[in-house]
Protein backbone atom coordinates (compact mmCIF):
# COMPACT_ATOMS: atom_id res chain seq x y z
CA UNK A 1 -5.78 -10.87 14.92
CA UNK A 2 -4.90 -10.56 11.46
CA UNK A 3 -4.73 -6.90 10.29
CA UNK A 4 -5.57 -5.11 6.78
CA UNK A 5 -5.71 -2.07 5.82
CA UNK A 6 -6.94 -0.91 2.71
CA UNK A 7 -5.06 2.52 1.12
CA UNK A 8 -6.90 3.81 -1.60
CA UNK A 9 -6.50 6.38 -3.55
CA UNK A 10 -9.46 7.79 -4.68
CA UNK A 11 -10.62 11.90 -5.39
CA UNK A 12 -13.94 11.67 -5.85
CA UNK A 13 -16.82 10.75 -3.84
CA UNK A 14 -18.12 7.58 -4.34
CA UNK A 15 -14.66 6.54 -6.67
CA UNK A 16 -14.54 3.99 -8.43
CA UNK A 17 -10.92 3.95 -6.47
CA UNK A 18 -13.13 2.82 -3.75
CA UNK A 19 -15.55 0.81 -4.91
CA UNK A 20 -12.66 -1.24 -5.83
CA UNK A 21 -11.02 -1.12 -2.40
CA UNK A 22 -14.13 -2.61 -0.78
CA UNK A 23 -14.63 -5.32 -3.27
CA UNK A 24 -10.81 -6.91 -3.43
CA UNK A 25 -11.37 -6.52 1.10
CA UNK A 26 -14.79 -7.94 1.59
CA UNK A 27 -12.78 -10.88 -1.40
CA UNK A 28 -9.44 -11.30 1.17
CA UNK A 29 -12.40 -10.69 4.41
CA UNK A 30 -14.10 -13.69 2.13
CA UNK A 31 -10.54 -16.38 1.75
CA UNK A 32 -9.51 -15.37 5.95
CA UNK A 33 -10.49 -16.42 9.55
CA UNK A 34 -10.62 -13.87 11.69
CA UNK A 35 -9.28 -10.33 10.58
CA UNK A 36 -9.88 -6.64 10.80
CA UNK A 37 -9.12 -4.45 8.69
CA UNK A 38 -8.98 -1.05 8.20
CA UNK A 39 -9.54 1.55 6.09
CA UNK A 40 -6.61 4.17 4.82
CA UNK A 41 -8.31 6.60 2.76
CA UNK A 42 -6.14 9.37 1.25
CA UNK A 43 -8.43 11.36 -0.24
CA UNK A 44 -8.73 12.80 3.75
CA UNK A 45 -5.58 13.38 4.57
CA UNK A 46 -4.23 15.05 1.80
CA UNK A 47 -3.58 18.43 3.37
CA UNK A 48 -1.62 16.26 6.45
CA UNK A 49 0.20 14.49 3.68
CA UNK A 50 1.58 18.11 2.51
CA UNK A 51 2.93 19.07 5.51
CA UNK A 52 4.83 16.48 6.53
CA UNK A 53 6.60 17.42 3.39
CA UNK A 54 7.60 20.07 3.92
CA UNK A 55 7.83 19.52 7.88
CA UNK A 56 9.13 16.57 8.06
CA UNK A 57 6.50 15.08 11.20
CA UNK A 58 2.72 13.30 10.11
CA UNK A 59 -0.54 15.33 12.27
CA UNK A 60 -2.50 12.51 14.61
CA UNK A 61 -4.67 11.00 11.93
CA UNK A 62 -1.83 10.51 9.15
CA UNK A 63 0.71 8.66 11.64
CA UNK A 64 -2.65 6.55 13.05
CA UNK A 65 -2.57 5.68 9.20
CA UNK A 66 1.65 5.07 8.67
CA UNK A 67 1.59 3.34 11.84
CA UNK A 68 -1.57 0.65 11.18
CA UNK A 69 0.51 0.07 7.66
CA UNK A 70 3.69 -0.37 9.26
CA UNK A 71 1.80 -2.95 11.40
CA UNK A 72 -0.67 -4.19 8.91
CA UNK A 73 -0.10 -8.76 7.69
CA UNK A 74 -1.82 -7.41 4.22
CA UNK A 75 -1.61 -4.56 2.36
CA UNK A 76 -4.23 -4.29 -0.68
CA UNK A 77 -3.33 -0.11 -2.17
CA UNK A 78 -5.85 0.98 -5.21
CA UNK A 79 -5.08 4.28 -7.06
CA UNK A 80 -6.57 5.66 -9.86
CA UNK A 81 -4.41 6.16 -13.17
CA UNK A 82 -2.92 9.80 -13.69
CA UNK A 83 -1.02 10.28 -17.05
CA UNK A 84 -0.03 6.20 -17.61
CA UNK A 85 0.76 6.11 -14.07
CA UNK A 86 -0.59 5.34 -10.67
CA UNK A 87 -1.48 9.60 -8.55
CA UNK A 88 0.08 12.14 -6.89
CA UNK A 89 -1.29 11.71 -4.02
CA UNK A 90 -0.62 7.55 -3.45
CA UNK A 91 3.09 8.19 -4.90
CA UNK A 92 3.41 11.01 -1.91
CA UNK A 93 1.75 8.88 0.74
CA UNK A 94 4.28 5.90 -0.16
CA UNK A 95 7.14 8.38 0.31
CA UNK A 96 6.59 8.75 3.37
CA UNK A 97 6.80 6.35 5.48
CA UNK A 98 9.83 5.32 7.30
CA UNK A 99 12.29 3.83 5.76
CA UNK A 100 11.35 -0.06 6.00
CA UNK A 101 7.83 -0.12 7.07
CA UNK A 102 6.59 -2.05 4.29
CA UNK A 103 10.46 -4.66 4.76
CA UNK A 104 8.16 -8.31 3.69
CA UNK A 105 4.76 -6.95 3.60
CA UNK A 106 2.63 -8.90 0.97
CA UNK A 107 0.84 -6.61 -1.01
CA UNK A 108 -2.37 -6.95 -3.81
CA UNK A 109 -1.72 -3.75 -6.42
CA UNK A 110 -4.47 -2.09 -7.76
CA UNK A 111 -5.65 0.71 -10.13
CA UNK A 112 -8.97 2.28 -11.92
CA UNK A 113 -9.08 4.02 -14.69
CA UNK A 114 -11.27 4.81 -17.79
CA UNK A 115 -10.12 3.25 -20.63
CA UNK A 116 -8.43 -0.72 -20.23
CA UNK A 117 -5.07 1.07 -22.51
CA UNK A 118 -3.72 1.93 -19.12
CA UNK A 119 -4.08 -1.54 -17.76
CA UNK A 120 0.09 -2.34 -18.02
CA UNK A 121 -0.01 0.62 -15.30
CA UNK A 122 0.37 -2.49 -12.73
CA UNK A 123 3.71 -3.52 -14.32
CA UNK A 124 4.99 -0.61 -15.10
CA UNK A 125 5.03 2.44 -11.98
CA UNK A 126 3.41 0.28 -9.34
CA UNK A 127 4.87 -3.67 -8.89
CA UNK A 128 8.37 -1.90 -9.50
CA UNK A 129 7.59 0.50 -6.64
CA UNK A 130 6.32 -2.14 -4.08
CA UNK A 131 9.36 -3.69 -4.77
CA UNK A 132 11.37 -1.28 -4.05
CA UNK A 133 10.17 -0.75 -1.20
CA UNK A 134 10.10 -4.64 -0.35
CA UNK A 135 6.96 -5.53 -0.24
CA UNK A 136 5.48 -8.69 -1.31
CA UNK A 137 3.51 -7.99 -4.15
CA UNK A 138 1.03 -10.99 -5.44
CA UNK A 139 1.59 -12.70 -8.41
CA UNK A 140 -2.20 -11.26 -9.54
CA UNK A 141 -2.90 -7.33 -9.84
CA UNK A 142 -6.80 -6.06 -10.81
CA UNK A 143 -6.53 -3.22 -12.87
CA UNK A 144 -10.10 -2.49 -13.54
CA UNK A 145 -12.00 -0.21 -16.19
CA UNK A 146 -15.06 1.86 -16.05
CA UNK A 147 -16.63 -1.00 -18.56
CA UNK A 148 -15.12 -4.03 -16.68
CA UNK A 149 -17.80 -3.07 -13.40
CA UNK A 150 -20.07 -3.91 -15.28
CA UNK A 151 -18.76 -7.62 -16.09
CA UNK A 152 -17.86 -10.82 -14.28
CA UNK A 153 -14.07 -10.82 -15.10
CA UNK A 154 -13.16 -8.89 -12.70
CA UNK A 155 -15.45 -10.67 -10.48
CA UNK A 156 -12.58 -13.53 -11.83
CA UNK A 157 -9.63 -11.51 -10.64
CA UNK A 158 -10.19 -10.20 -7.69
CA UNK A 159 -11.37 -13.33 -5.78
CA UNK A 160 -8.27 -14.94 -7.38
CA UNK A 161 -5.84 -11.60 -6.18
CA UNK A 162 -7.61 -12.24 -2.66
CA UNK A 163 -6.71 -15.32 -2.38
CA UNK A 164 -3.32 -15.11 -3.25
CA UNK A 165 -2.73 -11.73 -0.63
CA UNK A 166 -5.60 -14.16 1.68
CA UNK A 167 -2.30 -16.89 1.13
CA UNK A 168 0.37 -14.65 2.17
CA UNK A 169 -0.70 -13.35 4.60
CA UNK A 170 -1.32 -16.85 6.15
CA UNK A 171 1.81 -17.45 6.72
CA UNK A 172 5.67 -16.01 8.04
CA UNK A 173 5.73 -13.42 5.91
CA UNK A 174 7.62 -9.79 7.61
CA UNK A 175 10.87 -9.65 8.16
CA UNK A 176 11.75 -10.73 11.99
CA UNK A 177 11.98 -7.30 14.05
CA UNK A 178 14.48 -8.68 16.15
CA UNK A 179 16.65 -8.99 13.23
CA UNK A 180 15.90 -5.93 11.38
CA UNK A 181 14.96 -3.17 13.80
CA UNK A 182 13.32 -1.01 12.23
CA UNK A 183 14.37 2.92 13.74
CA UNK A 184 11.42 5.83 14.05
CA UNK A 185 11.57 9.88 14.07
CA UNK A 186 11.70 9.38 17.39
CA UNK A 187 14.84 6.90 17.32
CA UNK A 188 16.99 9.06 15.09
CA UNK A 189 16.39 11.96 17.58
CA UNK A 190 17.27 10.43 20.56
CA UNK A 191 20.58 8.58 19.33
CA UNK A 192 21.16 10.22 15.82
CA UNK A 193 22.33 7.53 13.42
CA UNK A 194 26.61 7.56 12.64
CA UNK A 195 27.28 10.14 9.61
CA UNK A 196 29.55 6.88 8.40
CA UNK A 197 26.60 3.33 9.32
CA UNK A 198 24.65 6.13 7.13
CA UNK A 199 27.08 6.16 4.12
CA UNK A 200 27.98 2.61 4.06
CA UNK A 201 24.56 1.23 4.28
CA UNK A 202 23.92 3.43 0.80
CA UNK A 203 26.70 1.67 -0.63
CA UNK A 204 25.36 -0.94 -0.06
CA UNK A 205 21.87 0.23 -2.39
């Protein structure tokens, strides 16, 4: 079964960020057949994210969210805009993912804010972030200011972006795991990568 994971970084409950995430999720499900949806609400994982930054190890609930993201066929990621960029909570979640977790994963990026003046956050912040993480970002990002929720233009953009994500999820878009095996923390503890190999990889980035 195709798996879709929706990551929402809204802080209030309810939030416009979660509302946009649900609309994008519903539109993607409508465009696909036989899809399983998992919602990851970062507000509920805030303390566990801080703990992982300090200890290097995720708590069980956070580890389950990370595994869902790592194994997803596609992602919808939505953040509120703070100081003209993604929120710290949103960035922290993707900071603590294992290297290579998003390689080749189709991602639909979206953001919410009180005013349309922040709409370029998709292009100057979110798209570069997920390009760096080697994800495949769909062409249409969705930004929603407060006033957008009352109009029809948002529905058109949601439908278009969801269709693009569904099209990518319907193809073999992930990097072949047999070719590029992503080492886990457990792998490193059992058999550490030699320092020389780490230096060689770093020099190739």
